[in-house]
């Protein structure tokens, strides 16, 4: 396979460039990311449809990753219970080195060929679930060997990679190959590859939550009321959606029922007079 992610940067002598030149060049490279993602939108849509189908039937999603991609997956997943009110454990990350060591950057663990599958088995992964491998190179042993085992066990697989025709893509039922080209700093896949991964995580989680009716119009009607800012936002959503004009009354109804969605349903059953 052609490891485009390891190819020489088209920029040279970076240490001789001014700050303005550097940031302009990085921005120019970043502009290429959305263009490349656009080419893969049909594949992203197919993967999301499978995820939605699995979750509607009680299945779970597992991201398996290492390095920057794995850590970005963690950041996406940890926000979903608060933003969309889904139970913890619906979206999951199997991270090389362990999620508990997220900030330690244990890059050596990406060569571990058994731990990923071991962790999935501990979580009782089964054919009702879907496992998505995250790897810029498309060759990360931690991810590759885990997907191999999933295929053997009849578990649906997908991937997000940045090289064409990679081994990881070959073990994926729903591969997404976003070829963003050589990095600004040669081999630094935390840059364009990481940006592409973040954008696709956003697409997957947001679209899935909308498809699962966790959003009404443009509002997060299942948002967890964890602080004053979010509670205030939820009160205003409730007022807009129900026509309740008194802020205090709307807040009391919200806090009684615990979410905008439940408060709205209560309001529909017993309309405000």
C-alpha atoms as a PDB file:
ATOM      1  CA  UNK A   1       0.000   0.000   0.000  1.00  0.00           C
ATOM      2  CA  UNK A   2       1.016   3.617  -0.546  1.00  0.00           C
ATOM      3  CA  UNK A   3       1.572   5.358   2.817  1.00  0.00           C
ATOM      4  CA  UNK A   4       0.657   8.864   1.747  1.00  0.00           C
ATOM      5  CA  UNK A   5       0.514   9.897   5.407  1.00  0.00           C
ATOM      6  CA  UNK A   6       4.290   9.334   5.628  1.00  0.00           C
ATOM      7  CA  UNK A   7       5.229  11.174   2.440  1.00  0.00           C
ATOM      8  CA  UNK A   8       7.466  14.235   2.569  1.00  0.00           C
ATOM      9  CA  UNK A   9       5.712  17.529   3.264  1.00  0.00           C
ATOM     10  CA  UNK A  10       5.533  19.801   0.244  1.00  0.00           C
ATOM     11  CA  UNK A  11       6.828  22.579   2.488  1.00  0.00           C
ATOM     12  CA  UNK A  12      10.534  22.771   3.264  1.00  0.00           C
ATOM     13  CA  UNK A  13      12.792  24.693   5.661  1.00  0.00           C
ATOM     14  CA  UNK A  14       9.933  25.395   8.049  1.00  0.00           C
ATOM     15  CA  UNK A  15      12.294  26.769  10.677  1.00  0.00           C
ATOM     16  CA  UNK A  16      13.167  29.611   8.307  1.00  0.00           C
ATOM     17  CA  UNK A  17       9.598  30.789   7.797  1.00  0.00           C
ATOM     18  CA  UNK A  18       7.863  33.604   9.678  1.00  0.00           C
ATOM     19  CA  UNK A  19       4.898  33.031  11.962  1.00  0.00           C
ATOM     20  CA  UNK A  20       2.570  34.544   9.356  1.00  0.00           C
ATOM     21  CA  UNK A  21       3.915  32.231   6.660  1.00  0.00           C
ATOM     22  CA  UNK A  22       3.559  29.172   8.867  1.00  0.00           C
ATOM     23  CA  UNK A  23      -0.036  29.787   9.932  1.00  0.00           C
ATOM     24  CA  UNK A  24      -1.076  30.661   6.358  1.00  0.00           C
ATOM     25  CA  UNK A  25       0.453  27.429   5.068  1.00  0.00           C
ATOM     26  CA  UNK A  26      -1.172  25.323   7.796  1.00  0.00           C
ATOM     27  CA  UNK A  27      -4.534  26.933   7.066  1.00  0.00           C
ATOM     28  CA  UNK A  28      -4.078  26.228   3.363  1.00  0.00           C
ATOM     29  CA  UNK A  29      -3.503  22.553   4.118  1.00  0.00           C
ATOM     30  CA  UNK A  30      -6.472  22.420   6.496  1.00  0.00           C
ATOM     31  CA  UNK A  31      -8.718  23.734   3.726  1.00  0.00           C
ATOM     32  CA  UNK A  32      -8.136  20.450   1.878  1.00  0.00           C
ATOM     33  CA  UNK A  33      -9.701  18.340   4.620  1.00  0.00           C
ATOM     34  CA  UNK A  34     -13.376  19.131   4.004  1.00  0.00           C
ATOM     35  CA  UNK A  35     -12.863  18.657   0.261  1.00  0.00           C
ATOM     36  CA  UNK A  36     -11.533  15.137   0.819  1.00  0.00           C
ATOM     37  CA  UNK A  37     -14.267  14.291   3.318  1.00  0.00           C
ATOM     38  CA  UNK A  38     -16.886  15.350   0.761  1.00  0.00           C
ATOM     39  CA  UNK A  39     -15.677  12.544  -1.508  1.00  0.00           C
ATOM     40  CA  UNK A  40     -16.493   9.993   1.197  1.00  0.00           C
ATOM     41  CA  UNK A  41     -19.940  11.253   2.246  1.00  0.00           C
ATOM     42  CA  UNK A  42     -21.768   8.249   0.696  1.00  0.00           C
ATOM     43  CA  UNK A  43     -19.567   5.870   2.724  1.00  0.00           C
ATOM     44  CA  UNK A  44     -20.069   7.918   5.892  1.00  0.00           C
ATOM     45  CA  UNK A  45     -23.825   7.853   5.339  1.00  0.00           C
ATOM     46  CA  UNK A  46     -23.805   4.072   4.845  1.00  0.00           C
ATOM     47  CA  UNK A  47     -21.859   3.586   8.075  1.00  0.00           C
ATOM     48  CA  UNK A  48     -24.204   5.854  10.032  1.00  0.00           C
ATOM     49  CA  UNK A  49     -27.259   3.994   8.757  1.00  0.00           C
ATOM     50  CA  UNK A  50     -25.773   0.743  10.058  1.00  0.00           C
ATOM     51  CA  UNK A  51     -24.936   2.343  13.417  1.00  0.00           C
ATOM     52  CA  UNK A  52     -28.482   3.683  13.793  1.00  0.00           C
ATOM     53  CA  UNK A  53     -29.928   0.285  12.947  1.00  0.00           C
ATOM     54  CA  UNK A  54     -27.678  -1.428  15.510  1.00  0.00           C
ATOM     55  CA  UNK A  55     -28.475   1.062  18.258  1.00  0.00           C
ATOM     56  CA  UNK A  56     -32.211   0.963  17.592  1.00  0.00           C
ATOM     57  CA  UNK A  57     -32.057  -2.782  18.252  1.00  0.00           C
ATOM     58  CA  UNK A  58     -30.140  -2.366  21.501  1.00  0.00           C
ATOM     59  CA  UNK A  59     -26.624  -2.741  20.113  1.00  0.00           C
ATOM     60  CA  UNK A  60     -23.590  -0.597  20.864  1.00  0.00           C
ATOM     61  CA  UNK A  61     -20.833   1.210  18.989  1.00  0.00           C
ATOM     62  CA  UNK A  62     -17.175   0.651  19.835  1.00  0.00           C
ATOM     63  CA  UNK A  63     -14.376   2.804  18.463  1.00  0.00           C
ATOM     64  CA  UNK A  64     -10.982   1.076  18.576  1.00  0.00           C
ATOM     65  CA  UNK A  65      -7.985   3.348  18.235  1.00  0.00           C
ATOM     66  CA  UNK A  66      -4.545   4.488  19.319  1.00  0.00           C
ATOM     67  CA  UNK A  67      -2.712   7.804  19.423  1.00  0.00           C
ATOM     68  CA  UNK A  68      -4.427  11.016  18.329  1.00  0.00           C
ATOM     69  CA  UNK A  69      -7.323   9.300  16.577  1.00  0.00           C
ATOM     70  CA  UNK A  70      -8.167   7.173  19.584  1.00  0.00           C
ATOM     71  CA  UNK A  71      -8.005  10.148  21.929  1.00  0.00           C
ATOM     72  CA  UNK A  72     -10.261  12.205  19.645  1.00  0.00           C
ATOM     73  CA  UNK A  73     -12.789   9.367  19.727  1.00  0.00           C
ATOM     74  CA  UNK A  74     -12.764   9.509  23.535  1.00  0.00           C
ATOM     75  CA  UNK A  75     -13.428  13.249  23.492  1.00  0.00           C
ATOM     76  CA  UNK A  76     -16.408  12.757  21.191  1.00  0.00           C
ATOM     77  CA  UNK A  77     -17.920   9.879  23.136  1.00  0.00           C
ATOM     78  CA  UNK A  78     -17.656  11.375  26.618  1.00  0.00           C
ATOM     79  CA  UNK A  79     -19.867  14.323  25.668  1.00  0.00           C
ATOM     80  CA  UNK A  80     -22.799  12.323  24.301  1.00  0.00           C
ATOM     81  CA  UNK A  81     -24.551  11.350  27.573  1.00  0.00           C
ATOM     82  CA  UNK A  82     -24.665  15.021  28.597  1.00  0.00           C
ATOM     83  CA  UNK A  83     -25.518  16.509  25.211  1.00  0.00           C
ATOM     84  CA  UNK A  84     -28.062  13.935  24.100  1.00  0.00           C
ATOM     85  CA  UNK A  85     -29.030  12.108  27.284  1.00  0.00           C
ATOM     86  CA  UNK A  86     -28.055   8.661  26.037  1.00  0.00           C
ATOM     87  CA  UNK A  87     -26.957   6.074  28.605  1.00  0.00           C
ATOM     88  CA  UNK A  88     -23.248   5.587  29.098  1.00  0.00           C
ATOM     89  CA  UNK A  89     -22.074   2.485  27.301  1.00  0.00           C
ATOM     90  CA  UNK A  90     -23.970   3.021  24.059  1.00  0.00           C
ATOM     91  CA  UNK A  91     -20.959   4.734  22.465  1.00  0.00           C
ATOM     92  CA  UNK A  92     -17.608   3.342  23.665  1.00  0.00           C
ATOM     93  CA  UNK A  93     -13.875   3.632  22.995  1.00  0.00           C
ATOM     94  CA  UNK A  94     -11.276   0.898  23.263  1.00  0.00           C
ATOM     95  CA  UNK A  95      -8.067   2.950  23.470  1.00  0.00           C
ATOM     96  CA  UNK A  96      -4.569   1.481  23.234  1.00  0.00           C
ATOM     97  CA  UNK A  97      -3.101   1.915  26.709  1.00  0.00           C
ATOM     98  CA  UNK A  98      -6.566   2.395  28.233  1.00  0.00           C
ATOM     99  CA  UNK A  99      -8.949   5.350  28.461  1.00  0.00           C
ATOM    100  CA  UNK A 100      -7.740   5.868  32.037  1.00  0.00           C
ATOM    101  CA  UNK A 101      -4.351   6.827  30.555  1.00  0.00           C
ATOM    102  CA  UNK A 102      -5.784   9.232  27.989  1.00  0.00           C
ATOM    103  CA  UNK A 103      -3.325  12.038  28.815  1.00  0.00           C
ATOM    104  CA  UNK A 104      -0.261   9.789  29.022  1.00  0.00           C
ATOM    105  CA  UNK A 105       0.088   9.243  25.238  1.00  0.00           C
ATOM    106  CA  UNK A 106       1.226   5.625  25.522  1.00  0.00           C
ATOM    107  CA  UNK A 107       2.081   5.402  21.829  1.00  0.00           C
ATOM    108  CA  UNK A 108       3.980   2.130  22.296  1.00  0.00           C
ATOM    109  CA  UNK A 109       0.697   0.402  23.073  1.00  0.00           C
ATOM    110  CA  UNK A 110      -0.435   0.735  19.461  1.00  0.00           C
ATOM    111  CA  UNK A 111       1.735  -2.319  18.722  1.00  0.00           C
ATOM    112  CA  UNK A 112      -0.205  -4.468  21.200  1.00  0.00           C
ATOM    113  CA  UNK A 113      -2.026  -7.074  19.091  1.00  0.00           C
ATOM    114  CA  UNK A 114      -4.211  -8.726  21.747  1.00  0.00           C
ATOM    115  CA  UNK A 115      -5.449  -6.123  24.226  1.00  0.00           C
ATOM    116  CA  UNK A 116      -8.089  -4.577  21.957  1.00  0.00           C
ATOM    117  CA  UNK A 117      -9.969  -7.822  21.464  1.00  0.00           C
ATOM    118  CA  UNK A 118      -9.478  -8.728  25.122  1.00  0.00           C
ATOM    119  CA  UNK A 119     -11.194  -5.487  26.189  1.00  0.00           C
ATOM    120  CA  UNK A 120     -14.033  -6.012  23.741  1.00  0.00           C
ATOM    121  CA  UNK A 121     -14.628  -9.503  25.084  1.00  0.00           C
ATOM    122  CA  UNK A 122     -14.686  -8.120  28.629  1.00  0.00           C
ATOM    123  CA  UNK A 123     -17.487  -5.826  27.472  1.00  0.00           C
ATOM    124  CA  UNK A 124     -19.254  -8.832  25.934  1.00  0.00           C
ATOM    125  CA  UNK A 125     -19.095  -7.549  22.368  1.00  0.00           C
ATOM    126  CA  UNK A 126     -21.406  -9.487  20.071  1.00  0.00           C
ATOM    127  CA  UNK A 127     -22.952  -9.378  16.574  1.00  0.00           C
ATOM    128  CA  UNK A 128     -25.555  -6.868  17.768  1.00  0.00           C
ATOM    129  CA  UNK A 129     -22.723  -4.306  18.054  1.00  0.00           C
ATOM    130  CA  UNK A 130     -20.504  -2.526  15.543  1.00  0.00           C
ATOM    131  CA  UNK A 131     -16.752  -1.910  15.915  1.00  0.00           C
ATOM    132  CA  UNK A 132     -15.032   0.966  14.090  1.00  0.00           C
ATOM    133  CA  UNK A 133     -11.252   1.097  13.798  1.00  0.00           C
ATOM    134  CA  UNK A 134      -9.482   4.465  13.872  1.00  0.00           C
ATOM    135  CA  UNK A 135      -6.034   4.672  12.270  1.00  0.00           C
ATOM    136  CA  UNK A 136      -4.439   7.376  10.146  1.00  0.00           C
ATOM    137  CA  UNK A 137      -2.008   4.916   8.575  1.00  0.00           C
ATOM    138  CA  UNK A 138      -4.517   2.099   8.213  1.00  0.00           C
ATOM    139  CA  UNK A 139      -1.937  -0.310   9.578  1.00  0.00           C
ATOM    140  CA  UNK A 140      -1.947   0.170  13.384  1.00  0.00           C
ATOM    141  CA  UNK A 141      -1.520  -3.363  14.847  1.00  0.00           C
ATOM    142  CA  UNK A 142      -3.781  -2.672  17.870  1.00  0.00           C
ATOM    143  CA  UNK A 143      -6.631  -1.764  15.529  1.00  0.00           C
ATOM    144  CA  UNK A 144      -5.906  -4.238  12.745  1.00  0.00           C
ATOM    145  CA  UNK A 145      -5.786  -7.340  14.926  1.00  0.00           C
ATOM    146  CA  UNK A 146      -8.926  -6.290  16.781  1.00  0.00           C
ATOM    147  CA  UNK A 147     -10.887  -5.903  13.548  1.00  0.00           C
ATOM    148  CA  UNK A 148      -9.602  -9.279  12.342  1.00  0.00           C
ATOM    149  CA  UNK A 149     -11.068 -10.940  15.420  1.00  0.00           C
ATOM    150  CA  UNK A 150     -14.333  -9.070  14.997  1.00  0.00           C
ATOM    151  CA  UNK A 151     -14.635 -10.346  11.432  1.00  0.00           C
ATOM    152  CA  UNK A 152     -13.992 -13.891  12.621  1.00  0.00           C
ATOM    153  CA  UNK A 153     -16.787 -13.518  15.173  1.00  0.00           C
ATOM    154  CA  UNK A 154     -19.322 -12.079  12.746  1.00  0.00           C
ATOM    155  CA  UNK A 155     -19.284  -8.569  14.234  1.00  0.00           C
ATOM    156  CA  UNK A 156     -19.876  -5.660  11.838  1.00  0.00           C
ATOM    157  CA  UNK A 157     -16.819  -3.467  11.314  1.00  0.00           C
ATOM    158  CA  UNK A 158     -15.995  -0.063   9.936  1.00  0.00           C
ATOM    159  CA  UNK A 159     -12.947   2.188   9.879  1.00  0.00           C
ATOM    160  CA  UNK A 160     -11.697   5.722   9.412  1.00  0.00           C
ATOM    161  CA  UNK A 161      -8.269   5.738   7.745  1.00  0.00           C
ATOM    162  CA  UNK A 162      -6.189   8.179   5.712  1.00  0.00           C
ATOM    163  CA  UNK A 163      -4.342   5.906   3.273  1.00  0.00           C
ATOM    164  CA  UNK A 164      -5.926   4.081   0.334  1.00  0.00           C
ATOM    165  CA  UNK A 165      -6.265   0.284   0.225  1.00  0.00           C
ATOM    166  CA  UNK A 166      -4.969  -0.251   3.759  1.00  0.00           C
ATOM    167  CA  UNK A 167      -5.029  -3.545   5.697  1.00  0.00           C
ATOM    168  CA  UNK A 168      -7.499  -2.106   8.209  1.00  0.00           C
ATOM    169  CA  UNK A 169      -9.878  -1.096   5.406  1.00  0.00           C
ATOM    170  CA  UNK A 170      -9.695  -4.645   4.041  1.00  0.00           C
ATOM    171  CA  UNK A 171     -11.106  -5.942   7.339  1.00  0.00           C
ATOM    172  CA  UNK A 172     -13.874  -3.338   7.424  1.00  0.00           C
ATOM    173  CA  UNK A 173     -17.391  -3.854   6.141  1.00  0.00           C
ATOM    174  CA  UNK A 174     -17.862  -0.087   5.993  1.00  0.00           C
ATOM    175  CA  UNK A 175     -14.493   1.593   5.323  1.00  0.00           C
ATOM    176  CA  UNK A 176     -14.061   5.352   5.180  1.00  0.00           C
ATOM    177  CA  UNK A 177     -10.810   6.330   3.468  1.00  0.00           C
ATOM    178  CA  UNK A 178     -10.156  10.073   3.680  1.00  0.00           C
ATOM    179  CA  UNK A 179      -6.868  10.652   1.871  1.00  0.00           C
ATOM    180  CA  UNK A 180      -5.823  14.105   3.058  1.00  0.00           C
ATOM    181  CA  UNK A 181      -2.284  13.883   1.655  1.00  0.00           C
ATOM    182  CA  UNK A 182       1.147  14.461   3.208  1.00  0.00           C
ATOM    183  CA  UNK A 183       1.122  16.384   6.478  1.00  0.00           C
ATOM    184  CA  UNK A 184       2.502  19.901   6.909  1.00  0.00           C
ATOM    185  CA  UNK A 185       5.128  18.452   9.256  1.00  0.00           C
ATOM    186  CA  UNK A 186       6.076  15.153   7.656  1.00  0.00           C
ATOM    187  CA  UNK A 187       4.262  12.248   9.331  1.00  0.00           C
ATOM    188  CA  UNK A 188       2.481  14.392  11.947  1.00  0.00           C
ATOM    189  CA  UNK A 189      -0.940  12.799  11.517  1.00  0.00           C
ATOM    190  CA  UNK A 190      -2.345  14.729  14.468  1.00  0.00           C
ATOM    191  CA  UNK A 191      -2.779  17.543  11.925  1.00  0.00           C
ATOM    192  CA  UNK A 192      -4.895  16.970   8.782  1.00  0.00           C
ATOM    193  CA  UNK A 193      -5.656  13.339   9.583  1.00  0.00           C
ATOM    194  CA  UNK A 194      -6.724  14.306  13.085  1.00  0.00           C
ATOM    195  CA  UNK A 195      -8.862  17.145  11.761  1.00  0.00           C
ATOM    196  CA  UNK A 196     -10.586  14.760   9.352  1.00  0.00           C
ATOM    197  CA  UNK A 197     -11.194  12.247  12.139  1.00  0.00           C
ATOM    198  CA  UNK A 198     -12.709  14.920  14.387  1.00  0.00           C
ATOM    199  CA  UNK A 199     -15.024  16.113  11.636  1.00  0.00           C
ATOM    200  CA  UNK A 200     -16.204  12.578  10.889  1.00  0.00           C
ATOM    201  CA  UNK A 201     -16.755  11.795  14.580  1.00  0.00           C
ATOM    202  CA  UNK A 202     -18.973  14.892  14.715  1.00  0.00           C
ATOM    203  CA  UNK A 203     -20.916  13.689  11.676  1.00  0.00           C
ATOM    204  CA  UNK A 204     -21.374  10.185  13.052  1.00  0.00           C
ATOM    205  CA  UNK A 205     -22.443  11.121  16.577  1.00  0.00           C
ATOM    206  CA  UNK A 206     -24.600  14.110  15.659  1.00  0.00           C
ATOM    207  CA  UNK A 207     -26.395  12.442  12.759  1.00  0.00           C
ATOM    208  CA  UNK A 208     -26.932   9.275  14.790  1.00  0.00           C
ATOM    209  CA  UNK A 209     -28.431  11.236  17.673  1.00  0.00           C
ATOM    210  CA  UNK A 210     -30.757  13.115  15.319  1.00  0.00           C
ATOM    211  CA  UNK A 211     -31.850   9.853  13.681  1.00  0.00           C
ATOM    212  CA  UNK A 212     -32.527   8.418  17.144  1.00  0.00           C
ATOM    213  CA  UNK A 213     -34.852  11.342  17.925  1.00  0.00           C
ATOM    214  CA  UNK A 214     -32.560  12.959  20.471  1.00  0.00           C
ATOM    215  CA  UNK A 215     -32.997  16.312  18.684  1.00  0.00           C
ATOM    216  CA  UNK A 216     -36.199  18.250  17.901  1.00  0.00           C
ATOM    217  CA  UNK A 217     -35.899  20.910  15.211  1.00  0.00           C
ATOM    218  CA  UNK A 218     -32.386  22.081  16.163  1.00  0.00           C
ATOM    219  CA  UNK A 219     -32.703  21.655  19.909  1.00  0.00           C
ATOM    220  CA  UNK A 220     -31.122  19.159  22.339  1.00  0.00           C
ATOM    221  CA  UNK A 221     -34.325  18.032  24.022  1.00  0.00           C
ATOM    222  CA  UNK A 222     -32.597  15.321  26.078  1.00  0.00           C
ATOM    223  CA  UNK A 223     -29.679  17.449  27.315  1.00  0.00           C
ATOM    224  CA  UNK A 224     -28.619  16.595  30.872  1.00  0.00           C
ATOM    225  CA  UNK A 225     -29.241  19.423  33.342  1.00  0.00           C
ATOM    226  CA  UNK A 226     -25.744  19.421  34.795  1.00  0.00           C
ATOM    227  CA  UNK A 227     -25.118  23.148  35.303  1.00  0.00           C
ATOM    228  CA  UNK A 228     -26.813  26.550  35.289  1.00  0.00           C
ATOM    229  CA  UNK A 229     -25.899  27.355  31.661  1.00  0.00           C
ATOM    230  CA  UNK A 230     -27.361  24.156  30.270  1.00  0.00           C
ATOM    231  CA  UNK A 231     -30.422  24.362  32.506  1.00  0.00           C
ATOM    232  CA  UNK A 232     -31.071  27.923  31.319  1.00  0.00           C
ATOM    233  CA  UNK A 233     -30.760  26.768  27.707  1.00  0.00           C
ATOM    234  CA  UNK A 234     -33.187  23.919  28.350  1.00  0.00           C
ATOM    235  CA  UNK A 235     -35.722  26.226  30.010  1.00  0.00           C
ATOM    236  CA  UNK A 236     -35.670  28.504  26.954  1.00  0.00           C
ATOM    237  CA  UNK A 237     -36.086  25.525  24.622  1.00  0.00           C
ATOM    238  CA  UNK A 238     -39.061  24.380  26.671  1.00  0.00           C
ATOM    239  CA  UNK A 239     -40.619  27.839  26.586  1.00  0.00           C
ATOM    240  CA  UNK A 240     -40.174  28.060  22.818  1.00  0.00           C
ATOM    241  CA  UNK A 241     -41.586  24.598  22.161  1.00  0.00           C
ATOM    242  CA  UNK A 242     -44.579  24.777  24.517  1.00  0.00           C
ATOM    243  CA  UNK A 243     -45.544  28.424  24.525  1.00  0.00           C
ATOM    244  CA  UNK A 244     -45.065  28.754  28.284  1.00  0.00           C
ATOM    245  CA  UNK A 245     -44.266  32.433  28.823  1.00  0.00           C
ATOM    246  CA  UNK A 246     -43.238  32.436  32.483  1.00  0.00           C
ATOM    247  CA  UNK A 247     -39.577  31.477  32.940  1.00  0.00           C
ATOM    248  CA  UNK A 248     -40.051  30.313  36.516  1.00  0.00           C
ATOM    249  CA  UNK A 249     -42.997  28.117  35.603  1.00  0.00           C
ATOM    250  CA  UNK A 250     -41.067  26.558  32.721  1.00  0.00           C
ATOM    251  CA  UNK A 251     -38.024  25.935  34.918  1.00  0.00           C
ATOM    252  CA  UNK A 252     -40.126  24.275  37.601  1.00  0.00           C
ATOM    253  CA  UNK A 253     -41.728  21.997  35.006  1.00  0.00           C
ATOM    254  CA  UNK A 254     -38.323  21.146  33.544  1.00  0.00           C
ATOM    255  CA  UNK A 255     -36.750  20.305  36.889  1.00  0.00           C
ATOM    256  CA  UNK A 256     -39.756  18.222  37.888  1.00  0.00           C
ATOM    257  CA  UNK A 257     -39.467  16.006  34.809  1.00  0.00           C
ATOM    258  CA  UNK A 258     -35.714  16.123  34.234  1.00  0.00           C
ATOM    259  CA  UNK A 259     -35.562  16.837  30.515  1.00  0.00           C
ATOM    260  CA  UNK A 260     -37.130  19.046  27.872  1.00  0.00           C
ATOM    261  CA  UNK A 261     -38.611  16.016  26.151  1.00  0.00           C
ATOM    262  CA  UNK A 262     -40.374  14.698  29.277  1.00  0.00           C
ATOM    263  CA  UNK A 263     -41.514  18.175  30.293  1.00  0.00           C
ATOM    264  CA  UNK A 264     -42.988  18.774  26.843  1.00  0.00           C
ATOM    265  CA  UNK A 265     -44.902  15.507  26.982  1.00  0.00           C
ATOM    266  CA  UNK A 266     -46.236  16.387  30.425  1.00  0.00           C
ATOM    267  CA  UNK A 267     -47.291  19.788  29.132  1.00  0.00           C
ATOM    268  CA  UNK A 268     -49.120  18.216  26.208  1.00  0.00           C
ATOM    269  CA  UNK A 269     -50.989  15.912  28.599  1.00  0.00           C
ATOM    270  CA  UNK A 270     -51.905  18.767  30.948  1.00  0.00           C
ATOM    271  CA  UNK A 271     -51.818  21.981  28.885  1.00  0.00           C
ATOM    272  CA  UNK A 272     -50.947  25.290  30.488  1.00  0.00           C
ATOM    273  CA  UNK A 273     -53.974  27.444  31.065  1.00  0.00           C
END
